[in-house]
Amino acid sequence: MTHDRERTGPAWGTFLELEGPAGGPLHARLTRALRSAVAGGRLAAGSTLPPSRVLAADLRCSRWVVTEAYAQLVAEGHFEARSGSATRVRAHTGATARRDTGAGASRWTPRFDLLPGVPDLRAFPRKRWADMVRAATTELTWDELGYPDAAGLPRLRRQLASYLARGRGARVEAEHLVVCAGTLDGVLRLCRTLRAAGHTRVAVEDPGWTQLRLTVAAAGLTAVPIAVDAQGLRVDLLRRASAVRAVIVAPAHQFPTGVVLAPARRAELADWAREVDGLIMEDDYDAEFRYDRHPVGALQGMAPDHVALLGSLSKTLSPAVRLGWAAVPGRWTRALVARDTGGAPPPVIDQDAFSRFVTSGSYDRHLRASRLRYKRRRDHLLRELATRLPGAAVGGAAAGFHLLLPLSDGCPAGAVVAEAARDDVRLASLDDYRMTPPTPAPAPDPDPDRSSDPDPGSGPRPGVDVPSSTLVIGYGNLTDQAVPEAVRRLARAVERVRNGRTAA
């Protein structure tokens, strides 16, 4: 069905081809042109047509020509005309039928969406954000409404540098901070810059965020998988990877395992970057949302000359706000904003709106409220899982808004994902994020300091004793009221797979 606000769009500027081999009187040519515009989709279903006198003036013809064409198409069923209302394109025309069979119409919107990585979209501060956009639109100077600084609005860069120093322990100079369209945009720009500097390969965490390795490939580089274990990225394996001098890592809350990079590994990774004169791209994923202990500081604060700190508003506000940042070593700043990197800053109005959002304290208040809401929802989810799936050793729940649910042997996660989908529940398997098949657990580390779990009590240790069959359950965009029913359906899917009673 077409939404009302889509039905009322004017179609006054539609291109109409009035010349052609068929010829004939002008009203006949106009009728054919309008009919063709409907069939070709240029006149969308539900759109309003210009009044006959307006179109006649545009075409420099008599009003009779237009009224005749409109009347003919009303008679044919292409248009609809009501007394006192504008003439419209009928909603059931062929153009609508073709458009509705496209990819957008077939997109599945499940009743219970447990995919990870999506924040609570219902909590987006609409009114406060609208106030900031209104103020930005009103108060930006004429100069600021021109072409933007390639690195971003200067005052936003200064505020972000201050925010990252205060909240993440980063060592950032505003002139070395670039405003971009999100984490992936920052990674793409950096990878293109690395390629221009002679790099051919970039290491990525395995398992890890699929879009990161696709972005590496899009920049013309090869993504090299490096295993993640209970302490985070295996730096010893990174050292063995030939021709690799750059790596993407999420030390605060690795996706999807949820592990925090251990202190010894952080130091080891920084040492590696210095030794190879390399670059660490630090994805500051979920750093703002940690519930059971204080957040860890940014790795960038340990080695600012070799770490690019990347963040965005996709998880804290909404993916619809295409705004992020990259705090990079000074030698990379100019290359990152060069034309050949393909990047462009977000709209200045959005940048200024976020600048005001930060300055007013609204961003800090929103983050505090979000932490409380996600912690409450996580606790609710854990209680329901303990009731419906007793004995399950849930992991990765100390931060962010997703967790791991290991399944017993003989219950493949992929089959549970498929069975849950039939019950209108969408979730993911840990294997969905792997580049290589899981390997057997490594031998225990003889060094007790290095073998200690950096996040005790948070569940099984990913890569060590998490079963190969593991679900990744997101709860960010799940309403509190939906938690019990979502878990009930999930548990039913698990039970069906275990008992071999899945749908054909």
Protein backbone atom coordinates (compact mmCIF):
# COMPACT_ATOMS: atom_id res chain seq x y z
CA MET A 1 0.00 0.00 0.00
CA THR A 2 1.20 3.49 -0.78
CA HIS A 3 1.59 5.76 2.24
CA ASP A 4 -0.47 8.96 2.30
CA ARG A 5 2.57 11.20 2.36
CA GLU A 6 3.86 9.41 -0.77
CA ARG A 7 0.51 9.87 -2.54
CA THR A 8 0.47 13.65 -2.21
CA GLY A 9 3.77 14.43 -3.95
CA PRO A 10 3.39 16.89 -6.85
CA ALA A 11 4.52 15.83 -10.33
CA TRP A 12 4.67 19.30 -11.83
CA GLY A 13 8.19 19.07 -13.21
CA THR A 14 7.79 15.77 -15.11
CA PHE A 15 9.49 15.63 -18.50
CA LEU A 16 6.95 15.09 -21.29
CA GLU A 17 8.03 14.15 -24.82
CA LEU A 18 5.51 15.80 -27.16
CA GLU A 19 7.38 15.27 -30.41
CA GLY A 20 7.64 11.93 -32.14
CA PRO A 21 6.96 10.00 -35.32
CA ALA A 22 3.27 9.47 -34.48
CA GLY A 23 2.48 13.17 -34.77
CA GLY A 24 -1.14 14.26 -34.63
CA PRO A 25 -2.98 17.05 -32.80
CA LEU A 26 -1.35 18.51 -29.69
CA HIS A 27 -3.95 17.10 -27.29
CA ALA A 28 -3.30 13.58 -28.70
CA ARG A 29 0.46 14.00 -28.38
CA LEU A 30 0.06 15.23 -24.79
CA THR A 31 -2.16 12.24 -23.98
CA ARG A 32 0.46 9.83 -25.34
CA ALA A 33 3.23 11.63 -23.43
CA LEU A 34 1.34 11.48 -20.13
CA ARG A 35 0.42 7.83 -20.69
CA SER A 36 4.09 7.03 -21.38
CA ALA A 37 5.18 8.90 -18.24
CA VAL A 38 2.81 6.76 -16.17
CA ALA A 39 3.94 3.51 -17.78
CA GLY A 40 7.60 4.42 -17.36
CA GLY A 41 7.22 5.39 -13.72
CA ARG A 42 8.08 9.06 -14.18
CA LEU A 43 4.58 9.86 -12.92
CA ALA A 44 4.40 7.88 -9.70
CA ALA A 45 1.18 6.35 -8.42
CA GLY A 46 -0.67 8.78 -6.18
CA SER A 47 1.22 11.86 -7.38
CA THR A 48 -0.72 15.05 -8.09
CA LEU A 49 -0.78 16.54 -11.56
CA PRO A 50 -0.50 20.28 -12.16
CA PRO A 51 -3.75 22.21 -12.67
CA SER A 52 -4.72 22.41 -16.33
CA ARG A 53 -4.05 26.16 -16.55
CA VAL A 54 -0.54 25.73 -15.04
CA LEU A 55 0.43 22.93 -17.42
CA ALA A 56 -1.09 24.86 -20.33
CA ALA A 57 1.07 27.87 -19.46
CA ASP A 58 4.17 25.67 -19.24
CA LEU A 59 3.43 24.07 -22.61
CA ARG A 60 2.33 27.37 -24.18
CA CYS A 61 -0.93 25.89 -25.39
CA SER A 62 -4.61 26.35 -24.68
CA ARG A 63 -6.13 25.01 -21.50
CA TRP A 64 -8.51 22.91 -23.66
CA VAL A 65 -5.54 20.78 -24.84
CA VAL A 66 -4.70 19.83 -21.27
CA THR A 67 -8.28 19.21 -20.12
CA GLU A 68 -8.83 16.93 -23.13
CA ALA A 69 -5.70 14.90 -22.33
CA TYR A 70 -6.62 14.64 -18.65
CA ALA A 71 -10.19 13.57 -19.48
CA GLN A 72 -8.97 10.84 -21.84
CA LEU A 73 -6.60 9.40 -19.24
CA VAL A 74 -9.28 9.55 -16.56
CA ALA A 75 -11.52 7.57 -18.89
CA GLU A 76 -8.75 5.02 -19.45
CA GLY A 77 -8.26 4.62 -15.68
CA HIS A 78 -4.74 6.06 -15.51
CA PHE A 79 -5.83 9.22 -13.68
CA GLU A 80 -8.51 9.95 -11.12
CA ALA A 81 -10.29 13.28 -10.73
CA ARG A 82 -12.48 14.34 -7.83
CA SER A 83 -14.47 17.52 -7.43
CA GLY A 84 -12.52 20.07 -5.41
CA SER A 85 -9.32 18.00 -5.50
CA ALA A 86 -6.29 17.75 -7.76
CA THR A 87 -6.09 15.18 -10.55
CA ARG A 88 -3.91 12.23 -9.46
CA VAL A 89 -2.27 9.16 -10.92
CA ARG A 90 -4.27 6.12 -9.85
CA ALA A 91 -2.60 3.94 -7.23
CA HIS A 92 -3.20 0.69 -9.15
CA THR A 93 -1.40 1.65 -12.33
CA GLY A 94 1.20 -0.52 -13.99
CA ALA A 95 4.04 1.66 -12.74
CA THR A 96 3.06 0.93 -9.16
CA ALA A 97 2.80 -2.79 -9.80
CA ARG A 98 6.32 -2.92 -11.22
CA ARG A 99 7.77 -0.82 -8.42
CA ASP A 100 6.10 -2.89 -5.70
CA THR A 101 7.69 -6.09 -7.00
CA GLY A 102 11.18 -4.68 -6.52
CA ALA A 103 13.69 -5.55 -3.82
CA GLY A 104 12.35 -2.98 -1.38
CA ALA A 105 8.89 -4.52 -1.32
CA SER A 106 10.23 -8.02 -0.60
CA ARG A 107 12.39 -6.94 2.34
CA TRP A 108 11.53 -8.99 5.40
CA THR A 109 10.52 -7.05 8.50
CA PRO A 110 10.30 -9.63 11.27
CA ARG A 111 8.14 -9.19 14.31
CA PHE A 112 11.14 -9.89 16.55
CA ASP A 113 14.44 -8.61 15.19
CA LEU A 114 17.36 -9.98 17.21
CA LEU A 115 20.10 -9.10 14.74
CA PRO A 116 23.06 -7.49 16.51
CA GLY A 117 24.33 -3.99 15.88
CA VAL A 118 21.04 -2.07 15.80
CA PRO A 119 20.41 0.47 18.60
CA ASP A 120 17.05 1.32 20.15
CA LEU A 121 15.64 3.36 17.29
CA ARG A 122 12.51 4.19 19.30
CA ALA A 123 14.69 6.11 21.73
CA PHE A 124 16.10 8.48 19.11
CA PRO A 125 15.74 12.00 20.60
CA ARG A 126 13.57 13.32 17.79
CA LYS A 127 12.46 16.60 19.35
CA ARG A 128 15.86 17.53 20.73
CA TRP A 129 17.58 16.66 17.45
CA ALA A 130 15.00 18.63 15.49
CA ASP A 131 15.65 21.62 17.75
CA MET A 132 19.37 21.38 16.99
CA VAL A 133 18.78 21.11 13.23
CA ARG A 134 16.45 24.11 13.39
CA ALA A 135 19.02 26.15 15.30
CA ALA A 136 21.77 25.15 12.88
CA THR A 137 19.67 26.10 9.88
CA THR A 138 18.86 29.45 11.45
CA GLU A 139 22.25 30.42 12.84
CA LEU A 140 24.88 29.07 10.44
CA THR A 141 26.72 31.94 8.75
CA TRP A 142 26.49 32.49 5.01
CA ASP A 143 30.09 31.33 4.63
CA GLU A 144 29.36 28.11 6.51
CA LEU A 145 26.51 27.34 4.10
CA GLY A 146 29.04 27.15 1.27
CA TYR A 147 31.24 24.20 0.36
CA PRO A 148 32.41 22.59 3.62
CA ASP A 149 35.89 22.08 4.97
CA ALA A 150 36.97 18.64 3.72
CA ALA A 151 37.98 17.67 7.26
CA GLY A 152 34.69 18.78 8.80
CA LEU A 153 33.24 21.75 10.65
CA PRO A 154 36.13 23.16 12.76
CA ARG A 155 34.11 23.67 15.95
CA LEU A 156 32.75 20.11 15.79
CA ARG A 157 36.29 18.79 15.40
CA ARG A 158 37.36 20.73 18.48
CA GLN A 159 34.40 19.41 20.48
CA LEU A 160 35.00 15.83 19.35
CA ALA A 161 38.68 16.09 20.28
CA SER A 162 37.67 17.28 23.75
CA TYR A 163 34.97 14.59 24.07
CA LEU A 164 37.34 11.77 23.05
CA ALA A 165 40.00 12.99 25.45
CA ARG A 166 37.50 13.27 28.31
CA GLY A 167 35.43 10.17 27.70
CA ARG A 168 37.82 7.78 25.96
CA GLY A 169 41.25 8.75 27.24
CA ALA A 170 42.38 9.59 23.71
CA ARG A 171 45.21 11.96 22.81
CA VAL A 172 43.67 13.86 19.92
CA GLU A 173 44.46 17.18 18.30
CA ALA A 174 41.50 18.79 16.54
CA GLU A 175 43.57 19.40 13.41
CA HIS A 176 44.19 15.66 13.16
CA LEU A 177 40.53 14.73 13.45
CA VAL A 178 38.43 14.19 10.33
CA VAL A 179 34.62 14.17 10.35
CA CYS A 180 33.32 11.45 8.04
CA ALA A 181 30.11 9.59 7.23
CA GLY A 182 30.66 6.77 9.73
CA THR A 183 33.16 4.08 10.66
CA LEU A 184 33.07 2.33 7.28
CA ASP A 185 33.65 5.63 5.48
CA GLY A 186 36.66 6.27 7.68
CA VAL A 187 38.01 2.76 7.08
CA LEU A 188 37.52 3.09 3.32
CA ARG A 189 39.39 6.40 3.24
CA LEU A 190 42.22 5.00 5.36
CA CYS A 191 42.49 1.86 3.24
CA ARG A 192 42.68 3.91 0.05
CA THR A 193 45.37 6.02 1.68
CA LEU A 194 47.24 2.88 2.72
CA ARG A 195 47.04 1.49 -0.80
CA ALA A 196 48.45 4.71 -2.21
CA ALA A 197 51.31 4.34 0.29
CA GLY A 198 52.14 0.85 -1.00
CA HIS A 199 50.17 -1.39 1.36
CA THR A 200 48.56 -4.47 -0.17
CA ARG A 201 47.05 -6.26 2.86
CA VAL A 202 45.11 -5.34 5.99
CA ALA A 203 44.54 -7.70 8.91
CA VAL A 204 41.02 -8.07 10.32
CA GLU A 205 39.61 -9.88 13.33
CA ASP A 206 38.14 -13.33 12.70
CA PRO A 207 35.28 -13.65 13.50
CA GLY A 208 34.51 -10.01 12.88
CA TRP A 209 32.18 -7.48 11.33
CA THR A 210 31.60 -8.61 7.74
CA GLN A 211 31.30 -5.07 6.35
CA LEU A 212 34.83 -4.24 7.46
CA ARG A 213 36.48 -6.88 5.32
CA LEU A 214 34.20 -5.99 2.40
CA THR A 215 35.30 -2.37 2.76
CA VAL A 216 38.96 -3.44 2.77
CA ALA A 217 38.35 -5.34 -0.46
CA ALA A 218 36.48 -2.37 -1.97
CA ALA A 219 39.62 -0.27 -1.44
CA GLY A 220 41.65 -2.77 -3.47
CA LEU A 221 43.39 -4.43 -0.51
CA THR A 222 43.38 -8.03 0.72
CA ALA A 223 41.76 -8.73 4.09
CA VAL A 224 43.86 -11.15 6.15
CA PRO A 225 41.95 -12.97 8.93
CA ILE A 226 43.56 -13.05 12.39
CA ALA A 227 41.94 -15.25 15.01
CA VAL A 228 40.35 -13.86 18.18
CA ASP A 229 40.51 -15.74 21.48
CA ALA A 230 39.63 -15.03 25.11
CA GLN A 231 42.08 -12.13 25.27
CA GLY A 232 41.17 -10.60 21.93
CA LEU A 233 43.19 -10.41 18.73
CA ARG A 234 46.02 -12.97 18.53
CA VAL A 235 48.96 -10.60 18.10
CA ASP A 236 51.33 -13.55 17.81
CA LEU A 237 49.48 -14.59 14.63
CA LEU A 238 49.52 -11.01 13.40
CA ARG A 239 53.31 -10.97 13.69
CA ARG A 240 53.47 -14.05 11.44
CA ALA A 241 51.30 -12.50 8.71
CA SER A 242 53.66 -11.49 5.95
CA ALA A 243 53.40 -8.08 4.28
CA VAL A 244 50.84 -6.88 6.84
CA ARG A 245 51.48 -3.48 8.41
CA ALA A 246 47.90 -2.44 9.13
CA VAL A 247 45.14 -3.98 11.20
CA ILE A 248 41.52 -3.22 12.12
CA VAL A 249 40.66 -4.10 15.70
CA ALA A 250 37.83 -3.42 18.17
CA PRO A 251 39.61 -3.51 21.55
CA ALA A 252 36.80 -2.15 23.75
CA HIS A 253 34.18 -4.76 22.79
CA GLN A 254 35.05 -7.08 19.94
CA PHE A 255 32.26 -7.90 17.53
CA PRO A 256 30.77 -10.46 17.63
CA THR A 257 32.54 -12.29 20.48
CA GLY A 258 32.21 -9.44 22.99
CA VAL A 259 35.74 -9.97 24.33
CA VAL A 260 37.85 -7.05 25.57
CA LEU A 261 41.44 -6.85 24.37
CA ALA A 262 43.58 -7.85 27.36
CA PRO A 263 46.07 -5.31 28.76
CA ALA A 264 49.07 -7.42 27.72
CA ARG A 265 47.68 -7.77 24.21
CA ARG A 266 47.08 -4.02 23.99
CA ALA A 267 50.72 -3.33 24.81
CA GLU A 268 51.88 -6.09 22.45
CA LEU A 269 49.77 -4.69 19.61
CA ALA A 270 51.09 -1.17 20.13
CA ASP A 271 54.66 -2.55 20.12
CA TRP A 272 53.97 -4.38 16.84
CA ALA A 273 52.74 -1.17 15.20
CA ARG A 274 55.88 0.68 16.25
CA GLU A 275 58.16 -2.13 15.06
CA VAL A 276 56.66 -2.34 11.57
CA ASP A 277 55.84 1.39 11.38
CA GLY A 278 52.27 0.30 10.83
CA LEU A 279 48.76 1.57 11.45
CA ILE A 280 46.13 0.26 13.86
CA MET A 281 42.58 1.22 12.87
CA GLU A 282 40.75 1.16 16.21
CA ASP A 283 37.02 0.57 15.78
CA ASP A 284 35.67 2.05 19.02
CA TYR A 285 32.66 -0.27 18.82
CA ASP A 286 30.29 -0.23 21.81
CA ALA A 287 32.82 1.65 23.96
CA GLU A 288 30.03 3.80 25.44
CA PHE A 289 27.95 0.84 26.64
CA ARG A 290 29.62 -1.15 29.40
CA TYR A 291 27.52 -2.18 32.38
CA ASP A 292 29.34 -4.30 34.94
CA ARG A 293 32.60 -2.41 35.22
CA HIS A 294 34.18 0.83 34.04
CA PRO A 295 34.91 1.21 30.31
CA VAL A 296 38.45 0.68 29.10
CA GLY A 297 40.27 3.62 27.56
CA ALA A 298 40.99 3.90 23.88
CA LEU A 299 44.05 2.09 22.57
CA GLN A 300 44.83 5.30 20.69
CA GLY A 301 45.89 6.92 23.96
CA MET A 302 48.79 4.42 24.21
CA ALA A 303 50.18 4.96 20.71
CA PRO A 304 48.70 8.07 19.05
CA ASP A 305 51.37 8.03 16.32
CA HIS A 306 50.26 4.59 15.12
CA VAL A 307 46.53 4.38 15.93
CA ALA A 308 43.57 5.86 14.06
CA LEU A 309 40.53 6.00 16.37
CA LEU A 310 37.24 5.53 14.51
CA GLY A 311 33.77 6.14 15.88
CA SER A 312 30.27 7.05 14.74
CA LEU A 313 26.73 7.84 15.86
CA SER A 314 25.27 4.68 14.29
CA LYS A 315 25.10 2.81 17.61
CA THR A 316 24.68 5.74 20.00
CA LEU A 317 22.00 7.67 18.09
CA SER A 318 20.94 6.06 14.80
CA PRO A 319 22.44 4.70 11.56
CA ALA A 320 20.28 7.32 9.81
CA VAL A 321 22.61 10.03 11.15
CA ARG A 322 25.48 9.37 8.80
CA LEU A 323 28.15 11.01 10.92
CA GLY A 324 31.38 9.71 12.37
CA TRP A 325 35.01 10.62 12.96
CA ALA A 326 38.54 9.44 12.48
CA ALA A 327 41.28 10.71 14.82
CA VAL A 328 44.41 9.89 12.85
CA PRO A 329 48.16 10.30 13.25
CA GLY A 330 49.25 13.66 11.89
CA ARG A 331 51.04 12.26 8.88
CA TRP A 332 47.79 10.71 7.60
CA THR A 333 45.47 13.73 7.98
CA ARG A 334 46.11 15.47 4.68
CA ALA A 335 45.87 12.25 2.65
CA LEU A 336 42.62 11.32 4.37
CA VAL A 337 40.81 14.41 3.08
CA ALA A 338 42.34 14.39 -0.40
CA ARG A 339 39.99 14.14 -3.35
CA ASP A 340 41.33 10.76 -4.49
CA THR A 341 40.29 9.06 -1.25
CA GLY A 342 36.69 9.47 -2.38
CA GLY A 343 35.43 10.76 0.94
CA ALA A 344 33.23 13.77 1.56
CA PRO A 345 32.18 15.33 4.86
CA PRO A 346 28.59 14.92 6.07
CA PRO A 347 26.21 17.85 5.51
CA VAL A 348 27.28 20.95 7.42
CA ILE A 349 23.81 21.35 8.92
CA ASP A 350 24.03 17.86 10.46
CA GLN A 351 27.55 18.54 11.70
CA ASP A 352 26.46 21.76 13.36
CA ALA A 353 23.37 20.08 14.84
CA PHE A 354 25.54 17.42 16.46
CA SER A 355 27.97 20.08 17.65
CA ARG A 356 25.08 21.79 19.45
CA PHE A 357 23.86 18.42 20.73
CA VAL A 358 27.24 17.84 22.37
CA THR A 359 27.67 21.38 23.69
CA SER A 360 24.24 21.42 25.32
CA GLY A 361 24.97 18.21 27.24
CA SER A 362 22.21 16.38 25.36
CA TYR A 363 24.60 13.75 24.01
CA ASP A 364 25.94 12.84 27.45
CA ARG A 365 22.41 12.65 28.85
CA HIS A 366 21.31 10.46 25.95
CA LEU A 367 24.24 8.08 26.51
CA ARG A 368 23.51 7.79 30.24
CA ALA A 369 19.84 7.04 29.58
CA SER A 370 20.80 4.50 26.91
CA ARG A 371 23.18 2.66 29.24
CA LEU A 372 20.45 2.31 31.87
CA ARG A 373 17.90 1.17 29.30
CA TYR A 374 20.18 -1.42 27.68
CA LYS A 375 21.33 -2.79 31.04
CA ARG A 376 17.72 -3.19 32.17
CA ARG A 377 16.80 -4.92 28.92
CA ARG A 378 19.88 -7.15 29.06
CA ASP A 379 19.01 -8.27 32.59
CA HIS A 380 15.44 -9.01 31.47
CA LEU A 381 16.74 -11.01 28.51
CA LEU A 382 19.15 -13.01 30.69
CA ARG A 383 16.35 -13.91 33.10
CA GLU A 384 14.12 -15.10 30.27
CA LEU A 385 16.93 -17.13 28.70
CA ALA A 386 17.70 -18.75 32.06
CA THR A 387 14.04 -19.73 32.35
CA ARG A 388 13.45 -20.95 28.79
CA LEU A 389 16.92 -22.39 28.09
CA PRO A 390 18.25 -23.39 31.51
CA GLY A 391 21.93 -24.20 31.69
CA ALA A 392 22.91 -22.10 28.69
CA ALA A 393 26.24 -20.36 29.39
CA VAL A 394 25.55 -16.93 27.93
CA GLY A 395 28.61 -14.83 27.09
CA GLY A 396 29.60 -11.39 25.88
CA ALA A 397 26.87 -9.68 27.90
CA ALA A 398 29.01 -7.23 29.86
CA ALA A 399 28.82 -4.51 27.22
CA GLY A 400 27.07 -3.42 24.06
CA PHE A 401 23.63 -4.70 23.14
CA HIS A 402 24.22 -8.22 21.90
CA LEU A 403 25.26 -11.47 23.56
CA LEU A 404 26.38 -14.99 22.64
CA LEU A 405 24.25 -18.07 23.24
CA PRO A 406 26.24 -21.31 22.82
CA LEU A 407 24.15 -24.34 21.86
CA SER A 408 24.78 -27.94 22.82
CA ASP A 409 26.39 -30.36 20.41
CA GLY A 410 24.02 -31.66 17.80
CA CYS A 411 22.07 -28.39 17.63
CA PRO A 412 23.53 -26.41 14.71
CA ALA A 413 23.11 -22.67 15.04
CA GLY A 414 22.35 -22.26 11.33
CA ALA A 415 19.37 -24.59 11.60
CA VAL A 416 18.08 -22.66 14.63
CA VAL A 417 18.40 -19.38 12.72
CA ALA A 418 16.35 -20.82 9.86
CA GLU A 419 13.74 -22.34 12.17
CA ALA A 420 13.38 -19.12 14.17
CA ALA A 421 12.86 -17.19 10.92
CA ARG A 422 9.82 -19.33 10.21
CA ASP A 423 8.45 -18.11 13.52
CA ASP A 424 9.09 -14.45 12.58
CA VAL A 425 12.30 -14.12 14.63
CA ARG A 426 15.52 -12.89 12.99
CA LEU A 427 18.93 -13.58 14.55
CA ALA A 428 22.41 -14.64 13.47
CA SER A 429 24.93 -17.42 13.95
CA LEU A 430 28.50 -16.76 15.02
CA ASP A 431 29.61 -18.59 11.87
CA ASP A 432 27.99 -15.82 9.81
CA TYR A 433 30.89 -13.58 10.83
CA ARG A 434 33.79 -15.98 10.27
CA MET A 435 36.27 -15.82 7.40
CA THR A 436 37.77 -19.21 8.26
CA PRO A 437 36.31 -22.29 9.98
CA PRO A 438 36.77 -22.48 13.77
CA THR A 439 39.96 -24.18 14.92
CA PRO A 440 40.55 -26.37 17.99
CA ALA A 441 41.30 -24.57 21.24
CA PRO A 442 44.99 -23.65 21.68
CA ALA A 443 47.06 -25.06 24.52
CA PRO A 444 46.87 -23.12 27.79
CA ASP A 445 49.25 -20.17 28.06
CA PRO A 446 51.89 -20.89 30.73
CA ASP A 447 52.01 -17.20 31.68
CA PRO A 448 49.25 -16.75 34.30
CA ASP A 449 49.09 -12.99 33.74
CA ARG A 450 48.42 -13.43 30.03
CA SER A 451 46.04 -16.34 30.37
CA SER A 452 43.69 -14.61 32.79
CA ASP A 453 40.28 -13.70 31.42
CA PRO A 454 40.09 -9.89 31.12
CA ASP A 455 36.39 -10.00 31.81
CA PRO A 456 35.77 -12.68 34.49
CA GLY A 457 32.23 -13.75 35.11
CA SER A 458 31.01 -12.65 31.67
CA GLY A 459 30.39 -16.20 30.44
CA PRO A 460 32.35 -18.60 28.23
CA ARG A 461 35.58 -17.48 26.64
CA PRO A 462 35.18 -16.93 22.89
CA GLY A 463 37.56 -18.98 20.79
CA VAL A 464 38.44 -21.20 23.73
CA ASP A 465 35.36 -22.91 25.15
CA VAL A 466 32.50 -21.47 23.13
CA PRO A 467 30.94 -24.31 21.09
CA SER A 468 31.23 -23.98 17.35
CA SER A 469 27.43 -23.75 17.29
CA THR A 470 26.68 -20.33 18.80
CA LEU A 471 23.93 -17.78 18.27
CA VAL A 472 24.51 -14.02 18.29
CA ILE A 473 21.47 -12.30 19.83
CA GLY A 474 20.96 -8.56 19.57
CA TYR A 475 18.57 -6.79 21.89
CA GLY A 476 19.19 -3.11 21.16
CA ASN A 477 16.08 -2.55 19.04
CA LEU A 478 13.88 -5.05 20.87
CA THR A 479 11.19 -3.52 23.06
CA ASP A 480 11.14 -4.53 26.72
CA GLN A 481 7.62 -5.90 26.31
CA ALA A 482 8.72 -8.13 23.40
CA VAL A 483 11.53 -9.89 25.29
CA PRO A 484 9.48 -12.78 26.81
CA GLU A 485 7.73 -13.71 23.56
CA ALA A 486 10.93 -13.41 21.50
CA VAL A 487 12.77 -15.75 23.87
CA ARG A 488 9.82 -18.15 23.94
CA ARG A 489 9.92 -18.43 20.14
CA LEU A 490 13.69 -18.76 20.16
CA ALA A 491 13.54 -21.57 22.70
CA ARG A 492 10.86 -23.28 20.62
CA ALA A 493 13.12 -23.13 17.56
CA VAL A 494 16.01 -24.64 19.55
CA GLU A 495 13.79 -27.43 20.82
CA ARG A 496 12.53 -28.26 17.34
CA VAL A 497 16.07 -28.46 15.95
CA ARG A 498 17.23 -30.63 18.84
CA ASN A 499 14.33 -33.03 18.34
CA GLY A 500 14.56 -33.03 14.55
CA ARG A 501 11.08 -31.55 14.14
CA THR A 502 11.97 -28.64 11.90
CA ALA A 503 9.65 -27.55 9.13
CA ALA A 504 10.32 -28.94 5.69
